[in-house]
Amino acid sequence: MPPVGSTVAQAASVVQRCGLEVWCGNGRNTSAMSRRGQISIDRIVALRSSVLPIYVIIRPEGVTTADEVSEDGNDFLTTRMFGDQIAFQSIGGDYLSTEGGEICMRRYCSSSERFTVEKQDTQYAFRSCSGQYLSVSDRAPFVTLAPAPGDTEAFQLFSLMMYGVNVGQQLEMLDRHGSIMVDHLLDSEQIEALRIAIPGGADDAPRSYELRTPDLASRSLGLAEVATHPLVMQLSRRLLSPQLQLAELESCRTDVDFVRKELEETTWHVVHPYCCAEFPGVVDPRINITVTWFLDQLDTENSTWASVKAPEVAGRLPQLPHHSSPEEMQAISKSAQPLLAKAGAAWICIGPHWMSNTMGAASFWKDYDAQTRYKHLSGQKEQSFRALTDAQRAAQPKEELCPTVLQATYVREYVAPLHRAPAMEVLEQLGHSGRQLAGLLRG
């Protein structure tokens, strides 16, 4: 993996001050106040004292301070807004708390975990429910509460930047819209290494519209790095669960020619665990995150992929394709959008999305019928239908029309994964990525 660019807040040139100068995807800056007058703070921030060179850190052993934040981004805090109140949560799931009038951490978010935001010029102060203010000191206890705001009760907020994107903004868009596309996460060398690591089909296997290879996460270092990609881990652990599991990492190679010439209809599927849920399905519409990695560019010429977010029925119950009538499937599929992407990009979605890699099934013959009618009316000589079908079936797959994607599915801690975890000896051979992978393969 390329190094995580811009995770250290001490590098002022790559860390943007949250609320004062938030880096946006279009290169524009946004002010600290929204149009409705509400304070707008990034979803992932580093909390730094305005007068002391220290950050407020929430770690498993407790709340403390540090001179620097970790390069993996795990010392940054997730923010949750409740009107003019804010809560700070670590990537491990602990909330900064003032319960009992003391600084501590809790696994839940109630009134003691919420702070009223008070903007002071270019800084912020955070008032607890007891009226005291969050404060820092250069001696123990390093994080305390003060009766009134002063210099050591003023803070600056810095955004988390990774791979050239503001991770907090990506988290906000994923939370709000259900899916995001992030470009340039894999370079050409990584893509080639992944191609080599993915097993091919048997030479004597009959031709089919797809070749799927499951359970790939521990097969190579590159695949393990994809499964534990830092940007994906930041988004997934903060939005889905700090104890999420990897349910599957599989590849899918689609023969576009075969889809357009040999298949008769478009089919739809959802990923684990929604794919194996019996009627009426799964009530929770947010128990998984799916990341689709594109090893080839997908454009209108070589993509038969499409997706549509599963509509919710009866409240929060997602409607699933295998629980839908043909009429319902046809109605829902009308809202589907083609999945187009650059090589090296990742499409990240939360919850069930209907997906298909058979869009355009039988389209070749629909076009053929139109062309045949045109040639007949214009007096042109046409190849016999039998000769054409024989030629098409005998043709070898064209590599440029066989794009490959990798699909990683992460699930909540209470969902059973699809495969047994490999032996620890296997994961140890993958180094740091293998140890990270072990934490995602607890089943």
Protein backbone atom coordinates (compact mmCIF):
# COMPACT_ATOMS: atom_id res chain seq x y z
CA MET A 1 0.00 0.00 0.00
CA PRO A 2 1.21 3.56 -0.59
CA PRO A 3 1.87 5.48 2.61
CA VAL A 4 -1.08 7.08 4.30
CA GLY A 5 -0.75 10.65 3.10
CA SER A 6 -1.72 13.42 5.49
CA THR A 7 -2.71 11.71 8.69
CA VAL A 8 -0.37 13.55 11.03
CA ALA A 9 -1.72 16.81 12.31
CA GLN A 10 1.76 18.15 13.00
CA ALA A 11 2.22 18.58 9.23
CA ALA A 12 0.36 21.86 8.92
CA SER A 13 0.51 21.90 5.14
CA VAL A 14 -1.59 18.73 4.80
CA VAL A 15 -3.97 18.96 7.74
CA GLN A 16 -6.83 21.39 7.35
CA ARG A 17 -8.37 23.16 10.31
CA CYS A 18 -11.88 21.84 10.75
CA GLY A 19 -14.68 24.41 10.70
CA LEU A 20 -12.25 27.17 9.70
CA GLU A 21 -10.91 25.72 6.48
CA VAL A 22 -12.44 22.39 5.56
CA TRP A 23 -10.90 20.83 2.46
CA CYS A 24 -13.67 19.94 0.02
CA GLY A 25 -13.57 17.66 -2.99
CA ASN A 26 -14.15 20.62 -5.33
CA GLY A 27 -11.27 22.62 -3.82
CA ARG A 28 -13.47 25.26 -2.22
CA ASN A 29 -13.43 26.23 1.45
CA THR A 30 -16.48 26.27 3.66
CA SER A 31 -17.04 28.42 6.70
CA ALA A 32 -17.58 27.18 10.25
CA MET A 33 -21.23 28.18 10.14
CA SER A 34 -23.81 26.59 7.89
CA ARG A 35 -26.44 28.65 6.10
CA ARG A 36 -28.87 28.01 8.94
CA GLY A 37 -26.41 29.42 11.44
CA GLN A 38 -25.48 26.08 12.94
CA ILE A 39 -21.89 25.19 13.69
CA SER A 40 -20.50 22.83 11.06
CA ILE A 41 -17.71 20.55 12.27
CA ASP A 42 -16.06 17.75 10.33
CA ARG A 43 -17.07 14.17 11.11
CA ILE A 44 -13.50 13.07 11.97
CA VAL A 45 -11.19 15.44 13.84
CA ALA A 46 -8.07 15.69 15.96
CA LEU A 47 -8.76 17.71 19.13
CA ARG A 48 -5.76 19.97 19.81
CA SER A 49 -5.21 22.56 22.52
CA SER A 50 -4.91 26.12 21.25
CA VAL A 51 -2.10 27.00 23.67
CA LEU A 52 -0.37 23.70 24.44
CA PRO A 53 1.14 21.46 21.74
CA ILE A 54 -0.94 18.45 22.77
CA TYR A 55 -3.95 16.49 21.52
CA VAL A 56 -6.78 14.92 23.49
CA ILE A 57 -6.60 11.15 22.88
CA ILE A 58 -9.08 8.39 23.75
CA ARG A 59 -7.31 5.04 24.01
CA PRO A 60 -8.39 1.72 25.54
CA GLU A 61 -6.54 2.52 28.77
CA GLY A 62 -8.29 5.87 29.18
CA VAL A 63 -8.45 9.55 28.18
CA THR A 64 -5.06 11.25 27.95
CA THR A 65 -3.00 13.65 25.82
CA ALA A 66 -0.20 13.17 23.29
CA ASP A 67 2.27 15.39 21.47
CA GLU A 68 1.38 13.76 18.16
CA VAL A 69 -1.48 11.73 16.72
CA SER A 70 -0.77 8.29 15.30
CA GLU A 71 -0.02 8.01 11.59
CA ASP A 72 -2.76 5.42 11.06
CA GLY A 73 -5.44 8.01 11.91
CA ASN A 74 -6.78 6.02 14.86
CA ASP A 75 -6.22 8.87 17.34
CA PHE A 76 -8.67 11.07 15.44
CA LEU A 77 -12.16 11.27 16.94
CA THR A 78 -15.53 10.76 15.31
CA THR A 79 -17.92 13.65 15.99
CA ARG A 80 -21.67 13.32 16.41
CA MET A 81 -23.77 16.50 16.42
CA PHE A 82 -27.00 16.98 18.38
CA GLY A 83 -28.05 20.52 17.47
CA ASP A 84 -25.43 22.76 19.10
CA GLN A 85 -24.05 19.83 21.11
CA ILE A 86 -21.25 17.50 20.10
CA ALA A 87 -20.01 14.08 21.22
CA PHE A 88 -16.51 12.70 20.60
CA GLN A 89 -16.06 8.98 19.96
CA SER A 90 -12.83 7.04 19.42
CA ILE A 91 -12.44 4.62 16.54
CA GLY A 92 -12.61 1.90 19.21
CA GLY A 93 -16.13 2.99 20.18
CA ASP A 94 -15.49 4.86 23.46
CA TYR A 95 -17.13 8.26 24.07
CA LEU A 96 -15.45 11.12 25.91
CA SER A 97 -17.54 11.45 29.08
CA THR A 98 -17.93 13.73 32.10
CA GLU A 99 -20.06 11.30 34.09
CA GLY A 100 -19.73 11.91 37.84
CA GLY A 101 -18.00 15.23 37.22
CA GLU A 102 -14.78 13.57 36.05
CA ILE A 103 -13.23 12.93 32.67
CA CYS A 104 -13.71 9.30 31.67
CA MET A 105 -15.00 7.26 28.75
CA ARG A 106 -18.23 5.33 28.22
CA ARG A 107 -19.57 2.91 25.61
CA TYR A 108 -22.81 4.89 25.25
CA CYS A 109 -23.79 8.46 24.45
CA SER A 110 -26.10 10.27 26.90
CA SER A 111 -26.17 13.78 28.35
CA SER A 112 -22.81 13.32 30.10
CA GLU A 113 -21.15 12.51 26.78
CA ARG A 114 -22.42 15.62 24.99
CA PHE A 115 -20.78 19.04 25.06
CA THR A 116 -22.30 22.36 24.08
CA VAL A 117 -20.10 24.00 21.44
CA GLU A 118 -19.04 27.59 22.14
CA LYS A 119 -17.14 29.25 19.32
CA GLN A 120 -14.42 31.65 20.42
CA ASP A 121 -13.02 33.56 17.44
CA THR A 122 -11.13 30.85 15.54
CA GLN A 123 -11.30 28.29 18.34
CA TYR A 124 -13.85 26.23 20.23
CA ALA A 125 -14.72 25.58 23.85
CA PHE A 126 -16.80 22.58 24.96
CA ARG A 127 -19.17 22.94 27.94
CA SER A 128 -20.34 19.79 29.70
CA CYS A 129 -23.85 19.19 30.99
CA SER A 130 -22.68 20.28 34.46
CA GLY A 131 -21.58 23.68 33.14
CA GLN A 132 -17.85 22.93 33.37
CA TYR A 133 -15.49 23.16 30.40
CA LEU A 134 -13.19 20.61 28.83
CA SER A 135 -9.62 21.54 29.73
CA VAL A 136 -6.08 20.24 29.25
CA SER A 137 -2.88 20.52 31.28
CA ASP A 138 0.77 19.60 30.78
CA ARG A 139 0.73 17.62 34.02
CA ALA A 140 -1.45 14.82 35.39
CA PRO A 141 -4.36 14.65 35.19
CA PHE A 142 -3.87 15.84 31.64
CA VAL A 143 -7.56 16.18 30.70
CA THR A 144 -9.86 17.77 33.26
CA LEU A 145 -12.90 20.03 33.70
CA ALA A 146 -12.61 23.75 34.49
CA PRO A 147 -15.30 26.03 35.97
CA ALA A 148 -14.83 28.75 33.31
CA PRO A 149 -13.35 28.99 29.82
CA GLY A 150 -9.80 30.25 29.47
CA ASP A 151 -6.72 29.63 27.35
CA THR A 152 -6.40 25.94 28.23
CA GLU A 153 -10.10 25.41 27.52
CA ALA A 154 -9.80 26.54 23.88
CA PHE A 155 -9.29 23.94 21.14
CA GLN A 156 -8.57 23.69 17.45
CA LEU A 157 -10.00 20.90 15.31
CA PHE A 158 -8.07 19.27 12.46
CA SER A 159 -9.46 17.05 9.72
CA LEU A 160 -8.18 13.61 8.84
CA MET A 161 -6.72 13.52 5.31
CA MET A 162 -5.81 10.20 3.67
CA TYR A 163 -5.02 9.41 0.03
CA GLY A 164 -5.79 12.99 -0.93
CA VAL A 165 -9.35 13.02 0.44
CA ASN A 166 -11.01 14.38 3.56
CA VAL A 167 -12.07 11.20 5.35
CA GLY A 168 -14.64 12.98 7.49
CA GLN A 169 -16.41 14.31 4.41
CA GLN A 170 -16.40 10.84 2.86
CA LEU A 171 -17.91 9.48 6.08
CA GLU A 172 -20.63 12.13 5.99
CA MET A 173 -21.52 11.37 2.36
CA LEU A 174 -21.53 7.61 2.98
CA ASP A 175 -23.75 8.05 6.02
CA ARG A 176 -26.14 10.38 4.20
CA HIS A 177 -26.33 8.86 0.72
CA GLY A 178 -25.45 5.21 1.36
CA SER A 179 -22.58 4.99 -1.13
CA ILE A 180 -19.46 6.83 -2.34
CA MET A 181 -16.89 6.38 -5.10
CA VAL A 182 -13.24 7.08 -4.22
CA ASP A 183 -10.70 7.20 -7.06
CA HIS A 184 -6.96 6.47 -7.16
CA LEU A 185 -6.72 4.14 -4.16
CA LEU A 186 -4.75 1.47 -6.03
CA ASP A 187 -1.88 2.14 -8.40
CA SER A 188 -0.93 0.12 -11.49
CA GLU A 189 1.65 -1.99 -9.64
CA GLN A 190 -0.84 -2.96 -6.95
CA ILE A 191 -3.47 -3.81 -9.56
CA GLU A 192 -1.04 -6.05 -11.45
CA ALA A 193 -0.01 -7.83 -8.23
CA LEU A 194 -3.67 -8.46 -7.43
CA ARG A 195 -4.29 -9.90 -10.90
CA ILE A 196 -1.43 -12.34 -10.40
CA ALA A 197 -2.70 -13.37 -6.95
CA ILE A 198 -6.25 -14.12 -8.12
CA PRO A 199 -6.53 -17.72 -9.39
CA GLY A 200 -7.77 -18.22 -12.94
CA GLY A 201 -10.36 -20.73 -14.03
CA ALA A 202 -9.59 -24.24 -15.23
CA ASP A 203 -8.62 -24.48 -18.89
CA ASP A 204 -11.28 -27.09 -19.58
CA ALA A 205 -14.05 -25.27 -17.73
CA PRO A 206 -17.11 -24.44 -19.86
CA ARG A 207 -17.45 -20.79 -20.82
CA SER A 208 -19.72 -18.81 -18.51
CA TYR A 209 -20.72 -15.20 -18.01
CA GLU A 210 -18.70 -14.91 -14.78
CA LEU A 211 -15.86 -16.46 -12.82
CA ARG A 212 -16.07 -15.92 -9.08
CA THR A 213 -13.29 -16.84 -6.65
CA PRO A 214 -14.22 -16.59 -2.94
CA ASP A 215 -12.22 -16.41 0.31
CA LEU A 216 -9.21 -14.53 -1.06
CA ALA A 217 -8.19 -12.35 1.90
CA SER A 218 -5.28 -14.48 3.12
CA ARG A 219 -4.09 -15.70 -0.29
CA SER A 220 -1.44 -12.97 -0.77
CA LEU A 221 -0.03 -9.86 0.88
CA GLY A 222 -1.68 -7.60 -1.70
CA LEU A 223 -5.11 -9.13 -1.09
CA ALA A 224 -4.64 -8.81 2.68
CA GLU A 225 -3.73 -5.14 2.20
CA VAL A 226 -6.91 -4.57 0.19
CA ALA A 227 -9.00 -6.26 2.91
CA THR A 228 -7.43 -4.03 5.58
CA HIS A 229 -7.10 -0.85 3.52
CA PRO A 230 -6.60 2.12 5.92
CA LEU A 231 -9.26 4.37 4.35
CA VAL A 232 -11.82 1.55 4.29
CA MET A 233 -11.05 0.67 7.92
CA GLN A 234 -11.51 4.29 9.02
CA LEU A 235 -14.92 4.54 7.36
CA SER A 236 -16.14 1.05 8.27
CA ARG A 237 -15.11 1.02 11.92
CA ARG A 238 -16.49 4.50 12.53
CA LEU A 239 -19.79 4.03 10.69
CA LEU A 240 -20.57 0.31 10.99
CA SER A 241 -18.90 -1.05 14.14
CA PRO A 242 -15.50 -0.85 15.87
CA GLN A 243 -15.69 -4.66 16.10
CA LEU A 244 -16.65 -5.36 12.50
CA GLN A 245 -15.69 -8.60 10.76
CA LEU A 246 -14.63 -9.43 7.23
CA ALA A 247 -17.30 -11.75 5.87
CA GLU A 248 -15.89 -12.20 2.37
CA LEU A 249 -13.30 -11.05 -0.15
CA GLU A 250 -14.04 -12.48 -3.57
CA SER A 251 -13.16 -11.67 -7.15
CA CYS A 252 -15.58 -11.60 -10.07
CA ARG A 253 -14.52 -11.65 -13.71
CA THR A 254 -17.42 -10.91 -16.08
CA ASP A 255 -17.46 -11.94 -19.73
CA VAL A 256 -19.41 -9.03 -21.22
CA ASP A 257 -19.73 -10.66 -24.65
CA PHE A 258 -21.29 -13.75 -23.08
CA VAL A 259 -23.77 -11.62 -21.11
CA ARG A 260 -24.90 -9.73 -24.19
CA LYS A 261 -25.09 -12.75 -26.49
CA GLU A 262 -25.91 -15.82 -24.38
CA LEU A 263 -27.98 -14.65 -21.41
CA GLU A 264 -31.67 -13.97 -21.79
CA GLU A 265 -32.43 -11.79 -18.77
CA THR A 266 -30.85 -9.58 -16.12
CA THR A 267 -30.51 -11.07 -12.64
CA TRP A 268 -30.02 -9.30 -9.29
CA HIS A 269 -28.31 -10.24 -6.04
CA VAL A 270 -27.36 -8.80 -2.65
CA VAL A 271 -24.31 -9.67 -0.58
CA HIS A 272 -24.00 -11.44 2.78
CA PRO A 273 -25.91 -11.59 5.10
CA TYR A 274 -28.94 -10.30 3.15
CA CYS A 275 -28.47 -12.87 0.39
CA CYS A 276 -29.15 -15.80 2.73
CA ALA A 277 -31.94 -14.25 4.83
CA GLU A 278 -35.28 -16.00 4.69
CA PHE A 279 -38.49 -14.02 4.22
CA PRO A 280 -39.20 -11.33 5.38
CA GLY A 281 -35.45 -10.61 5.51
CA VAL A 282 -33.29 -8.53 7.86
CA VAL A 283 -34.88 -5.65 9.75
CA ASP A 284 -31.58 -3.77 10.21
CA PRO A 285 -30.67 -1.99 6.94
CA ARG A 286 -27.12 -1.29 8.16
CA ILE A 287 -25.33 -4.45 9.19
CA ASN A 288 -22.78 -4.57 6.38
CA ILE A 289 -20.46 -2.44 4.28
CA THR A 290 -19.45 -3.58 0.80
CA VAL A 291 -16.35 -2.30 -0.98
CA THR A 292 -16.05 -3.00 -4.71
CA TRP A 293 -12.50 -2.58 -6.01
CA PHE A 294 -12.07 -2.04 -9.76
CA LEU A 295 -9.02 -3.71 -11.30
CA ASP A 296 -10.13 -2.53 -14.74
CA GLN A 297 -11.78 0.63 -15.93
CA LEU A 298 -15.51 0.10 -16.30
CA ASP A 299 -17.11 2.16 -19.06
CA THR A 300 -20.14 1.85 -21.30
CA GLU A 301 -18.30 -0.57 -23.61
CA ASN A 302 -17.19 -3.16 -21.07
CA SER A 303 -19.51 -2.81 -18.07
CA THR A 304 -22.62 -4.85 -17.45
CA TRP A 305 -22.60 -3.86 -13.77
CA ALA A 306 -25.41 -1.84 -12.21
CA SER A 307 -26.76 -1.18 -8.74
CA VAL A 308 -29.74 0.26 -6.92
CA LYS A 309 -30.18 0.80 -3.19
CA ALA A 310 -32.66 -1.65 -1.72
CA PRO A 311 -35.94 0.18 -1.03
CA GLU A 312 -37.32 -0.09 2.48
CA VAL A 313 -40.79 -1.48 3.11
CA ALA A 314 -42.80 -1.61 6.32
CA GLY A 315 -40.56 0.90 8.05
CA ARG A 316 -36.89 -0.16 7.99
CA LEU A 317 -37.20 -3.56 6.29
CA PRO A 318 -35.06 -3.64 3.11
CA GLN A 319 -36.73 -5.31 0.16
CA LEU A 320 -34.50 -8.07 -1.23
CA PRO A 321 -34.48 -9.42 -4.79
CA HIS A 322 -35.06 -13.05 -3.79
CA HIS A 323 -38.13 -11.94 -1.81
CA SER A 324 -39.59 -9.91 -4.68
CA SER A 325 -42.08 -10.81 -7.38
CA PRO A 326 -41.12 -10.38 -11.06
CA GLU A 327 -43.27 -7.24 -11.18
CA GLU A 328 -41.55 -5.77 -8.10
CA MET A 329 -38.10 -6.60 -9.46
CA GLN A 330 -38.89 -4.93 -12.75
CA ALA A 331 -40.16 -1.79 -11.02
CA ILE A 332 -37.15 -1.52 -8.70
CA SER A 333 -34.60 -2.23 -11.42
CA LYS A 334 -35.85 0.78 -13.39
CA SER A 335 -34.05 2.96 -10.82
CA ALA A 336 -30.74 1.12 -11.26
CA GLN A 337 -27.67 3.07 -12.30
CA PRO A 338 -24.80 1.63 -14.36
CA LEU A 339 -21.63 1.08 -12.36
CA LEU A 340 -18.81 2.92 -14.13
CA ALA A 341 -15.40 3.52 -12.54
CA LYS A 342 -11.69 4.10 -13.11
CA ALA A 343 -9.17 1.33 -12.53
CA GLY A 344 -7.92 1.55 -8.94
CA ALA A 345 -11.13 3.12 -7.62
CA ALA A 346 -13.32 1.75 -4.84
CA TRP A 347 -17.10 1.96 -4.59
CA ILE A 348 -18.18 1.80 -0.94
CA CYS A 349 -21.80 1.24 0.11
CA ILE A 350 -23.53 0.55 3.40
CA GLY A 351 -26.50 -1.77 3.72
CA PRO A 352 -28.09 -3.88 1.00
CA HIS A 353 -27.74 -2.71 -2.59
CA TRP A 354 -29.22 -4.71 -5.41
CA MET A 355 -26.32 -5.50 -7.74
CA SER A 356 -26.11 -7.07 -11.17
CA ASN A 357 -23.32 -7.87 -13.60
CA THR A 358 -25.80 -8.98 -16.29
CA MET A 359 -27.24 -5.65 -17.40
CA GLY A 360 -27.69 -5.71 -21.15
CA ALA A 361 -28.41 -9.43 -21.32
CA ALA A 362 -29.43 -10.40 -24.88
CA SER A 363 -28.77 -6.86 -26.11
CA PHE A 364 -26.61 -8.16 -28.97
CA TRP A 365 -29.59 -9.96 -30.50
CA LYS A 366 -31.89 -7.02 -30.04
CA ASP A 367 -29.40 -4.93 -32.00
CA TYR A 368 -29.01 -7.77 -34.51
CA ASP A 369 -32.75 -7.83 -35.20
CA ALA A 370 -32.74 -4.10 -35.89
CA GLN A 371 -29.68 -4.38 -38.15
CA THR A 372 -31.19 -7.35 -40.00
CA ARG A 373 -34.36 -5.44 -40.76
CA TYR A 374 -32.31 -2.48 -42.01
CA LYS A 375 -30.12 -4.64 -44.27
CA HIS A 376 -33.17 -6.48 -45.62
CA LEU A 377 -34.92 -3.23 -46.51
CA SER A 378 -31.75 -1.79 -48.07
CA GLY A 379 -31.10 -4.95 -50.12
CA GLN A 380 -27.81 -5.86 -48.39
CA LYS A 381 -26.73 -9.51 -48.18
CA GLU A 382 -26.95 -10.90 -44.65
CA GLN A 383 -25.13 -13.82 -43.01
CA SER A 384 -27.47 -16.69 -42.00
CA PHE A 385 -28.65 -16.72 -38.41
CA ARG A 386 -27.27 -20.25 -37.82
CA ALA A 387 -23.84 -19.30 -39.14
CA LEU A 388 -23.78 -16.19 -36.97
CA THR A 389 -24.73 -18.05 -33.76
CA ASP A 390 -22.17 -20.78 -34.42
CA ALA A 391 -19.47 -18.16 -34.95
CA GLN A 392 -20.37 -16.30 -31.76
CA ARG A 393 -20.32 -19.46 -29.63
CA ALA A 394 -16.96 -20.53 -31.03
CA ALA A 395 -15.34 -17.15 -30.40
CA GLN A 396 -12.86 -16.85 -27.52
CA PRO A 397 -13.47 -14.28 -24.75
CA LYS A 398 -11.93 -10.88 -25.40
CA GLU A 399 -9.76 -9.71 -22.50
CA GLU A 400 -10.82 -6.09 -22.94
CA LEU A 401 -14.42 -7.23 -22.44
CA CYS A 402 -13.69 -9.28 -19.30
CA PRO A 403 -13.27 -6.77 -16.45
CA THR A 404 -12.42 -7.98 -12.95
CA VAL A 405 -13.58 -6.56 -9.64
CA LEU A 406 -12.76 -7.48 -6.05
CA GLN A 407 -15.59 -7.27 -3.55
CA ALA A 408 -15.00 -7.09 0.21
CA THR A 409 -17.96 -7.41 2.57
CA TYR A 410 -17.72 -6.36 6.23
CA VAL A 411 -20.43 -7.20 8.77
CA ARG A 412 -21.43 -6.28 12.30
CA GLU A 413 -19.87 -8.25 15.18
CA TYR A 414 -22.96 -10.42 15.72
CA VAL A 415 -23.22 -11.64 12.11
CA ALA A 416 -21.62 -14.99 11.26
CA PRO A 417 -18.91 -14.72 8.58
CA LEU A 418 -18.97 -16.92 5.49
CA HIS A 419 -15.65 -18.71 6.01
CA ARG A 420 -13.54 -20.09 8.82
CA ALA A 421 -10.50 -18.00 9.71
CA PRO A 422 -7.20 -19.42 8.44
CA ALA A 423 -4.55 -20.61 10.86
CA MET A 424 -2.62 -17.86 12.63
CA GLU A 425 0.58 -19.22 11.09
CA VAL A 426 -0.80 -18.34 7.64
CA LEU A 427 -1.70 -14.81 8.70
CA GLU A 428 1.66 -14.23 10.40
CA GLN A 429 3.36 -14.75 7.03
CA LEU A 430 1.51 -11.64 5.78
CA GLY A 431 3.20 -9.40 8.38
CA HIS A 432 1.40 -6.33 9.70
CA SER A 433 -1.49 -6.72 7.25
CA GLY A 434 -1.92 -10.34 8.37
CA ARG A 435 -2.13 -9.30 12.02
CA GLN A 436 -4.72 -6.67 11.10
CA LEU A 437 -6.59 -9.29 9.10
CA ALA A 438 -6.64 -11.59 12.12
CA GLY A 439 -8.70 -8.97 13.95
CA LEU A 440 -11.28 -9.07 11.14
CA LEU A 441 -11.45 -12.87 10.93
CA ARG A 442 -12.66 -13.90 14.35
CA GLY A 443 -15.25 -16.42 13.12
